Amino acid sequence: MHRFTLRLADLATTWFAASPIHEAALSLRMWTHPGVYHLQTRAFEQLRPAFERLDSHLLLSLVAENRFVPDFLTPRPTSPSPEFRTELATVRTLPPEQLRPELEQTFVLYGQPMPTVLAAGLSDPERLLTRIADALEEYWELCLAPTWWPQARAVLEADLVYRARLLAQQGAAALFADLDHRLHWEDGVLSIDRRWTERNVETPVDGRGLVLCPTFFVRGAITMIGNDRAPQISYPARGQAGMVGGGAPVPPQALEALVGAPKARLLALLGEAASTTELAYRLGVTPGAVSQHLSVLAATGLVTKARHGRSVLYRRSPLGDELTGSNR
């Protein structure tokens, strides 16, 4: 078990963030453990030609056999919607003398040999750190940022809006219970069932705040490998199936007759919060077309909207639920 002790003040400073560098680092598991995160398989197969032009040998070496990724590649976010380059700058500031302990913690501590490319690079840790950061930046720019991240960010931000609503309506106990089956909340202690190790770890939050990050690339809630960093937990994001591009549910014919097919399809999709970009992707239309229909639906009270960072997320209102029959 990994136990986080939260006082009342700590609970009040628990917050959520959607981190691009977390997704970049953890997505390297897609290449080393194909099939584990199957909802992303099709998207990443399309990225393979670009990935193979990168320093892929080094990137692949950063994922251990048990899917661990070095802690320094997933720094704790400092805002709910951080920029990739800001987070990458944090990675670059790791003192070179700390690189060896970080890598040994990832591999050697759990009985795995350190990959040759990393072991050899430690003869000049400053150069190796630069090479790792450069490779991660190139991976982001060529593979993830152009098309994958805009869609992924919309899903992650919708997750955050849902969690905020759940916390406000039902409280912390309901929030933690809903995050993941590995999490348990009782008497001020949030526990993660650490199935990857038999060691028990205690982490007092102790005024530092706890950051919760949704991600596409975990099978259950996880935290950092080491216990010397500010506390954070990553958990499986909601709505990942939307990234598969399965389109919208089929709306009732009566609803199409009343509001028209495009608006009916949007209403059918908006049982969960989504951005204009995500909706356009799932419907196969332009964001501009989606925006026009959403404006009408919002003006008539059928959808609500909430801003998260730079995105505006839409969701069916109670009236919209009534109209689609989703309340039954």
C-alpha atoms as a PDB file:
ATOM      1  CA  MET A   1       0.000   0.000   0.000  1.00  0.00           C
ATOM      2  CA  HIS A   2       0.980   3.618  -0.547  1.00  0.00           C
ATOM      3  CA  ARG A   3      -0.803   5.813   1.985  1.00  0.00           C
ATOM      4  CA  PHE A   4      -1.263   9.577   1.740  1.00  0.00           C
ATOM      5  CA  THR A   5      -2.261  11.192   5.027  1.00  0.00           C
ATOM      6  CA  LEU A   6      -4.401  14.272   4.408  1.00  0.00           C
ATOM      7  CA  ARG A   7      -5.364  16.712   7.113  1.00  0.00           C
ATOM      8  CA  LEU A   8      -8.372  18.949   6.537  1.00  0.00           C
ATOM      9  CA  ALA A   9      -6.119  21.708   5.157  1.00  0.00           C
ATOM     10  CA  ASP A  10      -4.493  19.189   2.800  1.00  0.00           C
ATOM     11  CA  LEU A  11      -7.868  18.085   1.519  1.00  0.00           C
ATOM     12  CA  ALA A  12      -8.721  21.704   0.783  1.00  0.00           C
ATOM     13  CA  THR A  13      -5.561  22.024  -1.349  1.00  0.00           C
ATOM     14  CA  THR A  14      -6.107  18.856  -3.380  1.00  0.00           C
ATOM     15  CA  TRP A  15      -6.490  19.796  -7.036  1.00  0.00           C
ATOM     16  CA  PHE A  16      -6.465  18.407 -10.589  1.00  0.00           C
ATOM     17  CA  ALA A  17      -4.224  18.984 -13.595  1.00  0.00           C
ATOM     18  CA  ALA A  18      -3.960  17.750 -17.181  1.00  0.00           C
ATOM     19  CA  SER A  19      -0.235  17.477 -17.873  1.00  0.00           C
ATOM     20  CA  PRO A  20       1.138  17.247 -21.430  1.00  0.00           C
ATOM     21  CA  ILE A  21       4.561  16.059 -20.328  1.00  0.00           C
ATOM     22  CA  HIS A  22       2.991  13.288 -18.256  1.00  0.00           C
ATOM     23  CA  GLU A  23       1.179  12.103 -21.372  1.00  0.00           C
ATOM     24  CA  ALA A  24       4.351  12.340 -23.465  1.00  0.00           C
ATOM     25  CA  ALA A  25       6.467  10.352 -20.994  1.00  0.00           C
ATOM     26  CA  LEU A  26       3.819   7.778 -20.101  1.00  0.00           C
ATOM     27  CA  SER A  27       2.826   7.311 -23.752  1.00  0.00           C
ATOM     28  CA  LEU A  28       6.246   5.785 -24.383  1.00  0.00           C
ATOM     29  CA  ARG A  29       4.639   2.676 -22.884  1.00  0.00           C
ATOM     30  CA  MET A  30       2.602   2.404 -26.081  1.00  0.00           C
ATOM     31  CA  TRP A  31       5.776   1.452 -27.951  1.00  0.00           C
ATOM     32  CA  THR A  32       7.291  -0.876 -25.341  1.00  0.00           C
ATOM     33  CA  HIS A  33       4.080  -2.622 -24.228  1.00  0.00           C
ATOM     34  CA  PRO A  34       1.797  -2.731 -27.278  1.00  0.00           C
ATOM     35  CA  GLY A  35      -1.776  -3.740 -26.614  1.00  0.00           C
ATOM     36  CA  VAL A  36      -1.827  -2.772 -22.934  1.00  0.00           C
ATOM     37  CA  TYR A  37      -3.553   0.551 -23.639  1.00  0.00           C
ATOM     38  CA  HIS A  38      -5.672  -0.750 -26.476  1.00  0.00           C
ATOM     39  CA  LEU A  39      -7.913   2.298 -26.862  1.00  0.00           C
ATOM     40  CA  GLN A  40      -4.895   4.215 -28.167  1.00  0.00           C
ATOM     41  CA  THR A  41      -3.513   1.487 -30.421  1.00  0.00           C
ATOM     42  CA  ARG A  42      -4.962   2.743 -33.695  1.00  0.00           C
ATOM     43  CA  ALA A  43      -3.870   6.335 -33.120  1.00  0.00           C
ATOM     44  CA  PHE A  44      -0.319   5.332 -32.219  1.00  0.00           C
ATOM     45  CA  GLU A  45       0.050   2.954 -35.132  1.00  0.00           C
ATOM     46  CA  GLN A  46      -0.583   5.959 -37.342  1.00  0.00           C
ATOM     47  CA  LEU A  47       2.242   7.757 -35.512  1.00  0.00           C
ATOM     48  CA  ARG A  48       4.749   4.919 -35.935  1.00  0.00           C
ATOM     49  CA  PRO A  49       6.479   6.200 -39.116  1.00  0.00           C
ATOM     50  CA  ALA A  50       7.211   9.532 -37.415  1.00  0.00           C
ATOM     51  CA  PHE A  51       8.304   7.836 -34.178  1.00  0.00           C
ATOM     52  CA  GLU A  52      10.809   5.623 -35.983  1.00  0.00           C
ATOM     53  CA  ARG A  53      12.559   8.703 -37.375  1.00  0.00           C
ATOM     54  CA  LEU A  54      13.349   9.903 -33.848  1.00  0.00           C
ATOM     55  CA  ASP A  55      15.962   8.865 -31.285  1.00  0.00           C
ATOM     56  CA  SER A  56      13.597   5.984 -30.608  1.00  0.00           C
ATOM     57  CA  HIS A  57      16.243   3.659 -29.144  1.00  0.00           C
ATOM     58  CA  LEU A  58      16.828   6.147 -26.323  1.00  0.00           C
ATOM     59  CA  LEU A  59      13.121   6.856 -25.837  1.00  0.00           C
ATOM     60  CA  LEU A  60      12.270   3.151 -25.593  1.00  0.00           C
ATOM     61  CA  SER A  61      15.032   2.625 -23.029  1.00  0.00           C
ATOM     62  CA  LEU A  62      13.249   4.992 -20.623  1.00  0.00           C
ATOM     63  CA  VAL A  63      10.473   2.457 -19.940  1.00  0.00           C
ATOM     64  CA  ALA A  64      11.295  -0.443 -17.626  1.00  0.00           C
ATOM     65  CA  GLU A  65       9.970  -3.963 -18.116  1.00  0.00           C
ATOM     66  CA  ASN A  66       7.367  -3.322 -15.401  1.00  0.00           C
ATOM     67  CA  ARG A  67       6.340  -0.117 -17.274  1.00  0.00           C
ATOM     68  CA  PHE A  68       7.993   2.216 -14.761  1.00  0.00           C
ATOM     69  CA  VAL A  69       9.107   5.575 -16.146  1.00  0.00           C
ATOM     70  CA  PRO A  70      11.698   7.701 -14.262  1.00  0.00           C
ATOM     71  CA  ASP A  71      10.081  10.152 -11.863  1.00  0.00           C
ATOM     72  CA  PHE A  72      11.936  13.172 -13.224  1.00  0.00           C
ATOM     73  CA  LEU A  73      10.106  12.800 -16.558  1.00  0.00           C
ATOM     74  CA  THR A  74       6.734  13.375 -14.863  1.00  0.00           C
ATOM     75  CA  PRO A  75       7.267  16.494 -12.716  1.00  0.00           C
ATOM     76  CA  ARG A  76       4.339  17.624 -10.626  1.00  0.00           C
ATOM     77  CA  PRO A  77       2.227  20.172 -12.542  1.00  0.00           C
ATOM     78  CA  THR A  78       2.223  23.722 -11.198  1.00  0.00           C
ATOM     79  CA  SER A  79      -1.120  24.684 -12.742  1.00  0.00           C
ATOM     80  CA  PRO A  80      -4.267  22.883 -13.943  1.00  0.00           C
ATOM     81  CA  SER A  81      -3.319  23.307 -17.630  1.00  0.00           C
ATOM     82  CA  PRO A  82       0.481  23.581 -17.889  1.00  0.00           C
ATOM     83  CA  GLU A  83       2.334  24.098 -21.156  1.00  0.00           C
ATOM     84  CA  PHE A  84       4.587  21.328 -22.443  1.00  0.00           C
ATOM     85  CA  ARG A  85       7.636  23.562 -22.826  1.00  0.00           C
ATOM     86  CA  THR A  86       7.263  24.864 -19.277  1.00  0.00           C
ATOM     87  CA  GLU A  87       7.186  21.343 -17.919  1.00  0.00           C
ATOM     88  CA  LEU A  88      10.073  20.261 -20.141  1.00  0.00           C
ATOM     89  CA  ALA A  89      12.128  23.139 -18.730  1.00  0.00           C
ATOM     90  CA  THR A  90      11.630  21.572 -15.295  1.00  0.00           C
ATOM     91  CA  VAL A  91      12.976  18.267 -16.612  1.00  0.00           C
ATOM     92  CA  ARG A  92      16.041  20.049 -17.981  1.00  0.00           C
ATOM     93  CA  THR A  93      16.808  21.599 -14.579  1.00  0.00           C
ATOM     94  CA  LEU A  94      17.399  18.233 -12.908  1.00  0.00           C
ATOM     95  CA  PRO A  95      20.892  18.406 -11.352  1.00  0.00           C
ATOM     96  CA  PRO A  96      23.065  16.041 -13.444  1.00  0.00           C
ATOM     97  CA  GLU A  97      24.305  14.255 -10.327  1.00  0.00           C
ATOM     98  CA  GLN A  98      20.715  13.175  -9.599  1.00  0.00           C
ATOM     99  CA  LEU A  99      20.271  11.437 -12.932  1.00  0.00           C
ATOM    100  CA  ARG A 100      21.983   8.203 -11.866  1.00  0.00           C
ATOM    101  CA  PRO A 101      19.877   7.778  -8.687  1.00  0.00           C
ATOM    102  CA  GLU A 102      16.713   8.484 -10.697  1.00  0.00           C
ATOM    103  CA  LEU A 103      17.548   5.807 -13.255  1.00  0.00           C
ATOM    104  CA  GLU A 104      18.719   3.282 -10.670  1.00  0.00           C
ATOM    105  CA  GLN A 105      15.473   3.796  -8.767  1.00  0.00           C
ATOM    106  CA  THR A 106      13.540   2.989 -11.938  1.00  0.00           C
ATOM    107  CA  PHE A 107      15.474  -0.100 -12.988  1.00  0.00           C
ATOM    108  CA  VAL A 108      18.024  -1.491 -10.515  1.00  0.00           C
ATOM    109  CA  LEU A 109      15.881  -1.128  -7.389  1.00  0.00           C
ATOM    110  CA  TYR A 110      13.365  -3.551  -8.912  1.00  0.00           C
ATOM    111  CA  GLY A 111      15.895  -6.070 -10.170  1.00  0.00           C
ATOM    112  CA  GLN A 112      16.125  -4.925 -13.778  1.00  0.00           C
ATOM    113  CA  PRO A 113      19.369  -4.110 -15.563  1.00  0.00           C
ATOM    114  CA  MET A 114      19.751  -0.523 -16.652  1.00  0.00           C
ATOM    115  CA  PRO A 115      19.513  -0.303 -20.466  1.00  0.00           C
ATOM    116  CA  THR A 116      22.913  -0.089 -22.123  1.00  0.00           C
ATOM    117  CA  VAL A 117      22.281   3.274 -23.766  1.00  0.00           C
ATOM    118  CA  LEU A 118      21.476   4.829 -20.374  1.00  0.00           C
ATOM    119  CA  ALA A 119      24.286   3.108 -18.472  1.00  0.00           C
ATOM    120  CA  ALA A 120      26.840   4.238 -21.057  1.00  0.00           C
ATOM    121  CA  GLY A 121      25.439   7.767 -21.110  1.00  0.00           C
ATOM    122  CA  LEU A 122      25.945   8.192 -17.367  1.00  0.00           C
ATOM    123  CA  SER A 123      29.636   8.718 -18.004  1.00  0.00           C
ATOM    124  CA  ASP A 124      28.504  12.247 -18.930  1.00  0.00           C
ATOM    125  CA  PRO A 125      25.170  12.750 -17.093  1.00  0.00           C
ATOM    126  CA  GLU A 126      24.707  16.338 -18.194  1.00  0.00           C
ATOM    127  CA  ARG A 127      24.949  15.350 -21.841  1.00  0.00           C
ATOM    128  CA  LEU A 128      22.647  12.354 -21.310  1.00  0.00           C
ATOM    129  CA  LEU A 129      20.026  14.544 -19.616  1.00  0.00           C
ATOM    130  CA  THR A 130      20.139  16.970 -22.549  1.00  0.00           C
ATOM    131  CA  ARG A 131      19.799  14.116 -25.018  1.00  0.00           C
ATOM    132  CA  ILE A 132      16.788  12.701 -23.152  1.00  0.00           C
ATOM    133  CA  ALA A 133      15.050  16.093 -22.967  1.00  0.00           C
ATOM    134  CA  ASP A 134      15.763  16.815 -26.637  1.00  0.00           C
ATOM    135  CA  ALA A 135      14.417  13.416 -27.687  1.00  0.00           C
ATOM    136  CA  LEU A 136      11.260  13.914 -25.620  1.00  0.00           C
ATOM    137  CA  GLU A 137      10.747  17.372 -27.121  1.00  0.00           C
ATOM    138  CA  GLU A 138      11.152  16.071 -30.663  1.00  0.00           C
ATOM    139  CA  TYR A 139       8.734  13.228 -29.900  1.00  0.00           C
ATOM    140  CA  TRP A 140       6.187  15.744 -28.670  1.00  0.00           C
ATOM    141  CA  GLU A 141       6.550  18.103 -31.616  1.00  0.00           C
ATOM    142  CA  LEU A 142       6.508  15.480 -34.375  1.00  0.00           C
ATOM    143  CA  CYS A 143       4.196  12.804 -32.992  1.00  0.00           C
ATOM    144  CA  LEU A 144       1.848  14.111 -30.314  1.00  0.00           C
ATOM    145  CA  ALA A 145       1.321  17.853 -30.623  1.00  0.00           C
ATOM    146  CA  PRO A 146      -0.078  18.074 -34.194  1.00  0.00           C
ATOM    147  CA  THR A 147      -3.233  15.956 -33.896  1.00  0.00           C
ATOM    148  CA  TRP A 148      -3.166  13.587 -30.910  1.00  0.00           C
ATOM    149  CA  TRP A 149      -2.784  16.103 -28.088  1.00  0.00           C
ATOM    150  CA  PRO A 150      -5.632  18.487 -29.084  1.00  0.00           C
ATOM    151  CA  GLN A 151      -8.062  15.550 -28.954  1.00  0.00           C
ATOM    152  CA  ALA A 152      -6.498  14.096 -25.812  1.00  0.00           C
ATOM    153  CA  ARG A 153      -6.503  17.434 -24.008  1.00  0.00           C
ATOM    154  CA  ALA A 154     -10.244  17.796 -24.638  1.00  0.00           C
ATOM    155  CA  VAL A 155     -10.875  14.396 -23.026  1.00  0.00           C
ATOM    156  CA  LEU A 156      -8.619  15.164 -20.051  1.00  0.00           C
ATOM    157  CA  GLU A 157     -10.206  18.563 -19.469  1.00  0.00           C
ATOM    158  CA  ALA A 158     -13.679  17.005 -19.642  1.00  0.00           C
ATOM    159  CA  ASP A 159     -12.529  14.559 -16.965  1.00  0.00           C
ATOM    160  CA  LEU A 160     -11.443  17.459 -14.761  1.00  0.00           C
ATOM    161  CA  VAL A 161     -14.788  19.222 -15.134  1.00  0.00           C
ATOM    162  CA  TYR A 162     -16.589  16.008 -14.189  1.00  0.00           C
ATOM    163  CA  ARG A 163     -14.392  15.537 -11.095  1.00  0.00           C
ATOM    164  CA  ALA A 164     -14.942  19.130  -9.968  1.00  0.00           C
ATOM    165  CA  ARG A 165     -18.696  18.670 -10.260  1.00  0.00           C
ATOM    166  CA  LEU A 166     -18.585  15.384  -8.337  1.00  0.00           C
ATOM    167  CA  LEU A 167     -16.502  16.942  -5.555  1.00  0.00           C
ATOM    168  CA  ALA A 168     -18.896  19.879  -5.256  1.00  0.00           C
ATOM    169  CA  GLN A 169     -22.024  17.714  -5.260  1.00  0.00           C
ATOM    170  CA  GLN A 170     -20.978  14.640  -3.271  1.00  0.00           C
ATOM    171  CA  GLY A 171     -17.740  15.436  -1.428  1.00  0.00           C
ATOM    172  CA  ALA A 172     -14.243  13.985  -1.200  1.00  0.00           C
ATOM    173  CA  ALA A 173     -15.240  10.436  -0.276  1.00  0.00           C
ATOM    174  CA  ALA A 174     -17.332  10.073  -3.431  1.00  0.00           C
ATOM    175  CA  LEU A 175     -14.612  11.713  -5.516  1.00  0.00           C
ATOM    176  CA  PHE A 176     -11.869   9.338  -4.421  1.00  0.00           C
ATOM    177  CA  ALA A 177     -14.130   6.289  -4.709  1.00  0.00           C
ATOM    178  CA  ASP A 178     -14.949   7.245  -8.286  1.00  0.00           C
ATOM    179  CA  LEU A 179     -11.349   7.872  -9.403  1.00  0.00           C
ATOM    180  CA  ASP A 180     -10.187   4.262  -9.491  1.00  0.00           C
ATOM    181  CA  HIS A 181     -10.702   0.862  -7.866  1.00  0.00           C
ATOM    182  CA  ARG A 182      -7.153   0.919  -6.472  1.00  0.00           C
ATOM    183  CA  LEU A 183      -7.903   3.969  -4.307  1.00  0.00           C
ATOM    184  CA  HIS A 184      -9.383   3.730  -0.809  1.00  0.00           C
ATOM    185  CA  TRP A 185     -10.334   6.696   1.395  1.00  0.00           C
ATOM    186  CA  GLU A 186     -10.836   6.199   5.121  1.00  0.00           C
ATOM    187  CA  ASP A 187     -10.237   8.340   8.206  1.00  0.00           C
ATOM    188  CA  GLY A 188      -8.135  10.950   6.457  1.00  0.00           C
ATOM    189  CA  VAL A 189      -5.909   8.444   4.650  1.00  0.00           C
ATOM    190  CA  LEU A 190      -5.968   7.907   0.879  1.00  0.00           C
ATOM    191  CA  SER A 191      -4.425   4.526   0.013  1.00  0.00           C
ATOM    192  CA  ILE A 192      -3.265   3.122  -3.326  1.00  0.00           C
ATOM    193  CA  ASP A 193      -3.127  -0.638  -3.685  1.00  0.00           C
ATOM    194  CA  ARG A 194       0.457  -0.859  -4.967  1.00  0.00           C
ATOM    195  CA  ARG A 195       0.308  -4.214  -6.696  1.00  0.00           C
ATOM    196  CA  TRP A 196       3.709  -3.643  -8.257  1.00  0.00           C
ATOM    197  CA  THR A 197       5.556  -3.895  -4.924  1.00  0.00           C
ATOM    198  CA  GLU A 198       5.095  -5.450  -1.495  1.00  0.00           C
ATOM    199  CA  ARG A 199       6.578  -2.435   0.292  1.00  0.00           C
ATOM    200  CA  ASN A 200       4.282  -0.150   2.271  1.00  0.00           C
ATOM    201  CA  VAL A 201       4.966   3.554   1.859  1.00  0.00           C
ATOM    202  CA  GLU A 202       3.661   6.395   4.027  1.00  0.00           C
ATOM    203  CA  THR A 203       3.482   9.930   2.616  1.00  0.00           C
ATOM    204  CA  PRO A 204       2.204  12.769   4.777  1.00  0.00           C
ATOM    205  CA  VAL A 205       0.875  15.453   2.434  1.00  0.00           C
ATOM    206  CA  ASP A 206       1.862  17.914   5.150  1.00  0.00           C
ATOM    207  CA  GLY A 207       0.731  21.171   3.573  1.00  0.00           C
ATOM    208  CA  ARG A 208       2.199  20.485   0.129  1.00  0.00           C
ATOM    209  CA  GLY A 209      -1.135  19.761  -1.563  1.00  0.00           C
ATOM    210  CA  LEU A 210      -2.043  16.633  -3.526  1.00  0.00           C
ATOM    211  CA  VAL A 211      -2.267  16.828  -7.322  1.00  0.00           C
ATOM    212  CA  LEU A 212      -4.483  14.364  -9.209  1.00  0.00           C
ATOM    213  CA  CYS A 213      -3.730  13.847 -12.918  1.00  0.00           C
ATOM    214  CA  PRO A 214      -5.923  11.946 -15.395  1.00  0.00           C
ATOM    215  CA  THR A 215      -3.988  10.027 -18.043  1.00  0.00           C
ATOM    216  CA  PHE A 216      -4.524   7.630 -20.942  1.00  0.00           C
ATOM    217  CA  PHE A 217      -1.581   5.411 -20.056  1.00  0.00           C
ATOM    218  CA  VAL A 218      -2.278   3.684 -16.743  1.00  0.00           C
ATOM    219  CA  ARG A 219      -4.394   0.648 -15.957  1.00  0.00           C
ATOM    220  CA  GLY A 220      -5.113   1.902 -12.442  1.00  0.00           C
ATOM    221  CA  ALA A 221      -4.083   4.660 -10.058  1.00  0.00           C
ATOM    222  CA  ILE A 222      -0.312   5.080  -9.606  1.00  0.00           C
ATOM    223  CA  THR A 223       2.040   7.506  -7.919  1.00  0.00           C
ATOM    224  CA  MET A 224       5.722   8.348  -8.099  1.00  0.00           C
ATOM    225  CA  ILE A 225       8.295   5.593  -7.645  1.00  0.00           C
ATOM    226  CA  GLY A 226      10.207   7.520  -4.986  1.00  0.00           C
ATOM    227  CA  ASN A 227       8.828   9.054  -1.833  1.00  0.00           C
ATOM    228  CA  ASP A 228      10.880  12.238  -1.841  1.00  0.00           C
ATOM    229  CA  ARG A 229       8.753  14.316  -4.233  1.00  0.00           C
ATOM    230  CA  ALA A 230       5.648  16.420  -3.682  1.00  0.00           C
ATOM    231  CA  PRO A 231       2.624  14.089  -3.690  1.00  0.00           C
ATOM    232  CA  GLN A 232       0.727  13.373  -6.871  1.00  0.00           C
ATOM    233  CA  ILE A 233      -1.453  10.548  -8.210  1.00  0.00           C
ATOM    234  CA  SER A 234      -2.209   9.605 -11.808  1.00  0.00           C
ATOM    235  CA  TYR A 235      -5.458   7.786 -12.563  1.00  0.00           C
ATOM    236  CA  PRO A 236      -7.242   6.480 -15.713  1.00  0.00           C
ATOM    237  CA  ALA A 237      -9.061   9.285 -17.526  1.00  0.00           C
ATOM    238  CA  ARG A 238     -12.760   9.044 -18.245  1.00  0.00           C
ATOM    239  CA  GLY A 239     -14.050   9.167 -21.815  1.00  0.00           C
ATOM    240  CA  GLN A 240     -11.072   7.469 -23.460  1.00  0.00           C
ATOM    241  CA  ALA A 241     -13.339   5.629 -25.877  1.00  0.00           C
ATOM    242  CA  GLY A 242     -14.082   8.991 -27.480  1.00  0.00           C
ATOM    243  CA  MET A 243     -10.514   9.021 -28.812  1.00  0.00           C
ATOM    244  CA  VAL A 244     -11.255   5.937 -30.890  1.00  0.00           C
ATOM    245  CA  GLY A 245     -13.456   8.040 -33.130  1.00  0.00           C
ATOM    246  CA  GLY A 246     -16.559   5.916 -32.857  1.00  0.00           C
ATOM    247  CA  GLY A 247     -18.851   8.834 -33.665  1.00  0.00           C
ATOM    248  CA  ALA A 248     -21.994   9.782 -31.798  1.00  0.00           C
ATOM    249  CA  PRO A 249     -24.806   7.686 -30.352  1.00  0.00           C
ATOM    250  CA  VAL A 250     -27.864   7.543 -32.571  1.00  0.00           C
ATOM    251  CA  PRO A 251     -30.370  10.158 -31.338  1.00  0.00           C
ATOM    252  CA  PRO A 252     -34.126   9.481 -31.232  1.00  0.00           C
ATOM    253  CA  GLN A 253     -35.895  10.240 -34.517  1.00  0.00           C
ATOM    254  CA  ALA A 254     -38.358  12.525 -32.737  1.00  0.00           C
ATOM    255  CA  LEU A 255     -35.448  14.602 -31.423  1.00  0.00           C
ATOM    256  CA  GLU A 256     -33.989  14.914 -34.934  1.00  0.00           C
ATOM    257  CA  ALA A 257     -37.355  16.079 -36.220  1.00  0.00           C
ATOM    258  CA  LEU A 258     -37.555  18.699 -33.473  1.00  0.00           C
ATOM    259  CA  VAL A 259     -34.055  20.252 -33.496  1.00  0.00           C
ATOM    260  CA  GLY A 260     -32.496  18.855 -36.683  1.00  0.00           C
ATOM    261  CA  ALA A 261     -30.011  16.026 -37.128  1.00  0.00           C
ATOM    262  CA  PRO A 262     -26.765  17.956 -36.353  1.00  0.00           C
ATOM    263  CA  LYS A 263     -28.041  19.356 -33.057  1.00  0.00           C
ATOM    264  CA  ALA A 264     -29.623  16.038 -32.113  1.00  0.00           C
ATOM    265  CA  ARG A 265     -26.292  14.252 -32.630  1.00  0.00           C
ATOM    266  CA  LEU A 266     -24.537  16.840 -30.467  1.00  0.00           C
ATOM    267  CA  LEU A 267     -27.079  16.423 -27.688  1.00  0.00           C
ATOM    268  CA  ALA A 268     -26.652  12.657 -27.842  1.00  0.00           C
ATOM    269  CA  LEU A 269     -22.884  13.093 -27.327  1.00  0.00           C
ATOM    270  CA  LEU A 270     -23.047  15.601 -24.508  1.00  0.00           C
ATOM    271  CA  GLY A 271     -23.910  13.286 -21.645  1.00  0.00           C
ATOM    272  CA  GLU A 272     -20.302  14.007 -20.641  1.00  0.00           C
ATOM    273  CA  ALA A 273     -18.514  17.324 -20.955  1.00  0.00           C
ATOM    274  CA  ALA A 274     -16.630  17.814 -24.229  1.00  0.00           C
ATOM    275  CA  SER A 275     -14.915  20.585 -26.136  1.00  0.00           C
ATOM    276  CA  THR A 276     -15.699  21.852 -29.611  1.00  0.00           C
ATOM    277  CA  THR A 277     -12.520  20.178 -30.911  1.00  0.00           C
ATOM    278  CA  GLU A 278     -13.421  16.768 -29.483  1.00  0.00           C
ATOM    279  CA  LEU A 279     -16.994  16.972 -30.768  1.00  0.00           C
ATOM    280  CA  ALA A 280     -15.820  17.940 -34.254  1.00  0.00           C
ATOM    281  CA  TYR A 281     -13.405  14.998 -34.270  1.00  0.00           C
ATOM    282  CA  ARG A 282     -16.062  12.504 -33.233  1.00  0.00           C
ATOM    283  CA  LEU A 283     -18.636  13.831 -35.702  1.00  0.00           C
ATOM    284  CA  GLY A 284     -16.215  14.266 -38.588  1.00  0.00           C
ATOM    285  CA  VAL A 285     -17.098  17.937 -39.161  1.00  0.00           C
ATOM    286  CA  THR A 286     -15.333  21.276 -38.699  1.00  0.00           C
ATOM    287  CA  PRO A 287     -15.068  22.949 -35.274  1.00  0.00           C
ATOM    288  CA  GLY A 288     -16.770  26.001 -36.774  1.00  0.00           C
ATOM    289  CA  ALA A 289     -19.866  23.992 -37.662  1.00  0.00           C
ATOM    290  CA  VAL A 290     -20.004  22.487 -34.195  1.00  0.00           C
ATOM    291  CA  SER A 291     -19.589  25.915 -32.601  1.00  0.00           C
ATOM    292  CA  GLN A 292     -22.586  27.322 -34.463  1.00  0.00           C
ATOM    293  CA  HIS A 293     -24.878  24.519 -33.323  1.00  0.00           C
ATOM    294  CA  LEU A 294     -23.589  24.702 -29.742  1.00  0.00           C
ATOM    295  CA  SER A 295     -24.351  28.418 -29.617  1.00  0.00           C
ATOM    296  CA  VAL A 296     -27.979  27.702 -30.475  1.00  0.00           C
ATOM    297  CA  LEU A 297     -28.222  24.832 -27.995  1.00  0.00           C
ATOM    298  CA  ALA A 298     -26.700  26.973 -25.239  1.00  0.00           C
ATOM    299  CA  ALA A 299     -29.024  29.905 -26.019  1.00  0.00           C
ATOM    300  CA  THR A 300     -32.061  27.628 -25.702  1.00  0.00           C
ATOM    301  CA  GLY A 301     -30.864  26.121 -22.403  1.00  0.00           C
ATOM    302  CA  LEU A 302     -30.250  22.624 -23.750  1.00  0.00           C
ATOM    303  CA  VAL A 303     -26.533  22.633 -22.971  1.00  0.00           C
ATOM    304  CA  THR A 304     -24.389  24.310 -20.331  1.00  0.00           C
ATOM    305  CA  LYS A 305     -20.790  25.407 -20.712  1.00  0.00           C
ATOM    306  CA  ALA A 306     -17.857  25.851 -18.360  1.00  0.00           C
ATOM    307  CA  ARG A 307     -14.367  27.176 -19.027  1.00  0.00           C
ATOM    308  CA  HIS A 308     -11.339  25.084 -18.090  1.00  0.00           C
ATOM    309  CA  GLY A 309      -8.024  26.731 -18.907  1.00  0.00           C
ATOM    310  CA  ARG A 310      -8.170  27.743 -22.556  1.00  0.00           C
ATOM    311  CA  SER A 311     -11.007  25.368 -23.395  1.00  0.00           C
ATOM    312  CA  VAL A 312     -14.768  25.736 -23.091  1.00  0.00           C
ATOM    313  CA  LEU A 313     -16.491  22.455 -22.272  1.00  0.00           C
ATOM    314  CA  TYR A 314     -20.161  21.761 -23.054  1.00  0.00           C
ATOM    315  CA  ARG A 315     -22.575  19.329 -21.445  1.00  0.00           C
ATOM    316  CA  ARG A 316     -26.288  18.606 -21.661  1.00  0.00           C
ATOM    317  CA  SER A 317     -28.380  20.567 -19.189  1.00  0.00           C
ATOM    318  CA  PRO A 318     -31.163  18.910 -17.171  1.00  0.00           C
ATOM    319  CA  LEU A 319     -33.545  20.216 -19.825  1.00  0.00           C
ATOM    320  CA  GLY A 320     -31.379  18.587 -22.507  1.00  0.00           C
ATOM    321  CA  ASP A 321     -31.476  15.334 -20.556  1.00  0.00           C
ATOM    322  CA  GLU A 322     -35.266  15.544 -20.476  1.00  0.00           C
ATOM    323  CA  LEU A 323     -35.413  16.158 -24.196  1.00  0.00           C
ATOM    324  CA  THR A 324     -33.149  13.232 -25.093  1.00  0.00           C
ATOM    325  CA  GLY A 325     -34.843  10.893 -22.612  1.00  0.00           C
ATOM    326  CA  SER A 326     -31.533  10.404 -20.791  1.00  0.00           C
ATOM    327  CA  ASN A 327     -33.148  10.936 -17.414  1.00  0.00           C
ATOM    328  CA  ARG A 328     -35.149   7.731 -17.767  1.00  0.00           C
END
